[in-house]
């Protein structure tokens, strides 16, 4: 962990918000994969990988470290050493690992049926990757963040979907009480 005082001043993003952004990006990539990949498993993997890397590497590198999911939840990826948007190599290393785990988890979940619970093993790599962040209170970084030496920080640039959703829920609850 870096002992730089600036390191501690950068606002960390709660894991639930990171998970929501990850889920939104995964849903977008899976939707594109379902549209382009067809029933062939290899074609699905290639289309998912291309959609994932386009969204989380190419778009993020040109959009201040924000993918569509991170933009929706006001967060961005920064390099731990330089405190700026990581380069294409760091993003590709980070997102290649996260994308592979996401593909295994989603394809395992959608392949699940009553007699093949074996596909739930596709959730294990993603669980290990995120479990490291969940169970380490000193450095809540996922495995793919630690390998690429990146972190996810809060930003004011985005859509603030989590704040808007809280307002919508409060408004719905208020209207239901009336």
Protein backbone atom coordinates (compact mmCIF):
# COMPACT_ATOMS: atom_id res chain seq x y z
CA UNK A 1 0.00 0.00 0.00
CA UNK A 2 1.29 3.41 -0.90
CA UNK A 3 2.19 5.70 2.02
CA UNK A 4 1.59 8.84 -0.02
CA UNK A 5 -0.81 11.21 1.81
CA UNK A 6 -2.64 11.87 -1.47
CA UNK A 7 -3.42 8.14 -1.65
CA UNK A 8 -5.60 8.41 1.44
CA UNK A 9 -7.41 11.54 0.24
CA UNK A 10 -8.73 9.97 -2.95
CA UNK A 11 -12.35 8.98 -2.21
CA UNK A 12 -12.90 5.23 -2.34
CA UNK A 13 -16.04 3.81 -3.86
CA UNK A 14 -18.14 1.39 -1.78
CA UNK A 15 -18.09 -2.19 -3.03
CA UNK A 16 -21.84 -2.27 -3.65
CA UNK A 17 -21.54 0.65 -6.12
CA UNK A 18 -18.61 -1.03 -7.83
CA UNK A 19 -20.68 -4.20 -8.08
CA UNK A 20 -23.61 -2.32 -9.60
CA UNK A 21 -21.37 -0.71 -12.22
CA UNK A 22 -19.78 -4.09 -12.96
CA UNK A 23 -23.22 -5.69 -13.30
CA UNK A 24 -24.42 -2.93 -15.64
CA UNK A 25 -21.35 -3.29 -17.86
CA UNK A 26 -21.72 -7.08 -17.79
CA UNK A 27 -25.39 -6.84 -18.79
CA UNK A 28 -24.55 -4.54 -21.71
CA UNK A 29 -21.74 -6.83 -22.90
CA UNK A 30 -23.92 -9.93 -22.48
CA UNK A 31 -26.76 -8.32 -24.41
CA UNK A 32 -24.39 -7.54 -27.29
CA UNK A 33 -23.00 -11.06 -27.01
CA UNK A 34 -26.48 -12.56 -27.23
CA UNK A 35 -27.28 -10.43 -30.27
CA UNK A 36 -24.04 -11.16 -32.13
CA UNK A 37 -22.75 -14.47 -30.77
CA UNK A 38 -25.59 -16.86 -31.50
CA UNK A 39 -25.72 -20.33 -29.94
CA UNK A 40 -22.04 -21.16 -30.57
CA UNK A 41 -20.04 -20.98 -27.33
CA UNK A 42 -16.83 -19.79 -28.96
CA UNK A 43 -18.66 -17.09 -30.93
CA UNK A 44 -20.35 -15.96 -27.71
CA UNK A 45 -16.99 -15.75 -25.97
CA UNK A 46 -15.42 -13.75 -28.81
CA UNK A 47 -18.36 -11.35 -29.05
CA UNK A 48 -18.45 -10.90 -25.26
CA UNK A 49 -14.68 -10.31 -25.14
CA UNK A 50 -14.84 -7.74 -27.94
CA UNK A 51 -17.79 -5.93 -26.36
CA UNK A 52 -16.16 -6.03 -22.91
CA UNK A 53 -12.80 -4.77 -24.11
CA UNK A 54 -14.38 -2.09 -26.28
CA UNK A 55 -16.47 -0.84 -23.36
CA UNK A 56 -14.05 -1.22 -20.50
CA UNK A 57 -10.72 -0.52 -22.23
CA UNK A 58 -11.21 1.60 -25.36
CA UNK A 59 -14.12 3.69 -24.08
CA UNK A 60 -12.64 3.95 -20.58
CA UNK A 61 -9.23 5.07 -21.85
CA UNK A 62 -10.77 7.89 -23.86
CA UNK A 63 -13.41 8.75 -21.23
CA UNK A 64 -11.28 9.47 -18.13
CA UNK A 65 -11.36 5.87 -16.91
CA UNK A 66 -15.15 5.55 -17.07
CA UNK A 67 -17.01 2.70 -18.73
CA UNK A 68 -20.79 3.09 -19.16
CA UNK A 69 -21.40 1.40 -15.79
CA UNK A 70 -18.81 3.49 -14.00
CA UNK A 71 -20.20 6.63 -15.63
CA UNK A 72 -23.69 5.72 -14.43
CA UNK A 73 -22.45 5.38 -10.85
CA UNK A 74 -19.94 8.30 -10.73
CA UNK A 75 -16.65 6.44 -10.52
CA UNK A 76 -13.47 6.01 -12.51
CA UNK A 77 -10.34 3.89 -12.63
CA UNK A 78 -7.01 5.50 -11.79
CA UNK A 79 -3.45 4.25 -11.79
CA UNK A 80 -2.07 3.86 -8.26
CA UNK A 81 1.35 5.24 -9.14
CA UNK A 82 0.45 8.32 -11.14
CA UNK A 83 -3.11 9.04 -9.92
CA UNK A 84 -4.40 9.41 -13.48
CA UNK A 85 -6.27 7.32 -16.03
CA UNK A 86 -4.33 4.11 -16.69
CA UNK A 87 -2.89 3.37 -20.10
CA UNK A 88 -4.26 0.82 -22.53
CA UNK A 89 -1.92 -1.93 -21.28
CA UNK A 90 -2.96 -1.53 -17.63
CA UNK A 91 -6.63 -1.34 -18.55
CA UNK A 92 -6.34 -4.36 -20.85
CA UNK A 93 -4.62 -6.37 -18.10
CA UNK A 94 -7.24 -5.34 -15.54
CA UNK A 95 -10.29 -5.75 -17.73
CA UNK A 96 -9.11 -8.91 -19.48
CA UNK A 97 -9.05 -10.69 -16.16
CA UNK A 98 -12.33 -9.17 -14.93
CA UNK A 99 -14.03 -9.83 -18.28
CA UNK A 100 -13.01 -13.48 -18.32
CA UNK A 101 -14.38 -13.95 -14.81
CA UNK A 102 -17.58 -12.12 -15.77
CA UNK A 103 -18.06 -14.30 -18.86
CA UNK A 104 -17.59 -17.51 -16.86
CA UNK A 105 -20.02 -16.33 -14.19
CA UNK A 106 -22.73 -15.19 -16.62
CA UNK A 107 -22.46 -18.18 -18.94
CA UNK A 108 -22.49 -20.53 -15.96
CA UNK A 109 -25.55 -18.82 -14.54
CA UNK A 110 -27.47 -18.94 -17.83
CA UNK A 111 -26.46 -22.57 -18.46
CA UNK A 112 -27.85 -23.62 -15.10
CA UNK A 113 -30.66 -26.16 -15.14
CA UNK A 114 -32.10 -28.55 -12.59
CA UNK A 115 -29.57 -31.31 -13.29
CA UNK A 116 -26.37 -29.43 -14.00
CA UNK A 117 -25.37 -27.43 -10.95
CA UNK A 118 -21.80 -27.94 -12.16
CA UNK A 119 -22.13 -24.65 -14.02
CA UNK A 120 -22.21 -22.78 -10.72
CA UNK A 121 -18.45 -23.37 -10.60
CA UNK A 122 -18.23 -20.53 -13.13
CA UNK A 123 -18.97 -18.19 -10.23
CA UNK A 124 -15.89 -19.31 -8.26
CA UNK A 125 -13.21 -17.19 -10.04
CA UNK A 126 -15.34 -14.04 -9.80
CA UNK A 127 -16.08 -14.81 -6.14
CA UNK A 128 -12.37 -15.16 -5.36
CA UNK A 129 -11.56 -11.98 -7.28
CA UNK A 130 -14.16 -9.93 -5.42
CA UNK A 131 -13.79 -11.79 -2.12
CA UNK A 132 -10.28 -10.41 -1.76
CA UNK A 133 -11.71 -6.89 -1.77
CA UNK A 134 -14.56 -7.84 0.54
CA UNK A 135 -12.43 -9.46 3.26
CA UNK A 136 -9.43 -7.10 3.30
CA UNK A 137 -10.38 -4.00 5.33
CA UNK A 138 -7.02 -2.28 4.83
CA UNK A 139 -7.00 -2.43 1.04
CA UNK A 140 -10.45 -3.11 -0.45
CA UNK A 141 -9.10 -3.68 -3.96
CA UNK A 142 -10.12 -6.67 -6.04
CA UNK A 143 -7.52 -9.06 -7.41
CA UNK A 144 -7.69 -7.55 -10.90
CA UNK A 145 -7.03 -4.09 -9.37
CA UNK A 146 -4.03 -5.38 -7.45
CA UNK A 147 -2.51 -7.07 -10.49
CA UNK A 148 -2.94 -4.01 -12.72
CA UNK A 149 -2.02 -1.61 -9.86
CA UNK A 150 -5.22 0.39 -10.30
CA UNK A 151 -8.06 1.50 -8.07
CA UNK A 152 -11.63 2.71 -8.48
CA UNK A 153 -12.31 6.16 -7.07
CA UNK A 154 -15.35 8.41 -6.83
CA UNK A 155 -15.78 11.31 -9.21
CA UNK A 156 -18.33 14.04 -9.79
CA UNK A 157 -18.48 13.26 -13.50
CA UNK A 158 -21.33 10.88 -14.25
CA UNK A 159 -25.03 10.22 -14.13
CA UNK A 160 -25.43 9.50 -10.36
CA UNK A 161 -27.77 6.56 -10.98
CA UNK A 162 -27.52 5.36 -7.38
CA UNK A 163 -28.58 8.78 -6.01
CA UNK A 164 -31.43 9.05 -8.51
CA UNK A 165 -32.61 5.52 -7.73
CA UNK A 166 -32.73 6.37 -4.02
CA UNK A 167 -34.84 9.44 -4.80
CA UNK A 168 -37.17 7.40 -7.01
CA UNK A 169 -37.62 4.77 -4.29
CA UNK A 170 -38.33 7.48 -1.70
CA UNK A 171 -40.86 9.09 -4.04
CA UNK A 172 -42.57 5.76 -4.71
CA UNK A 173 -42.73 5.00 -0.97
CA UNK A 174 -44.18 8.44 -0.29
CA UNK A 175 -46.83 7.97 -2.99
CA UNK A 176 -47.71 4.50 -1.66
CA UNK A 177 -48.34 5.88 1.84
CA UNK A 178 -50.86 8.40 0.51
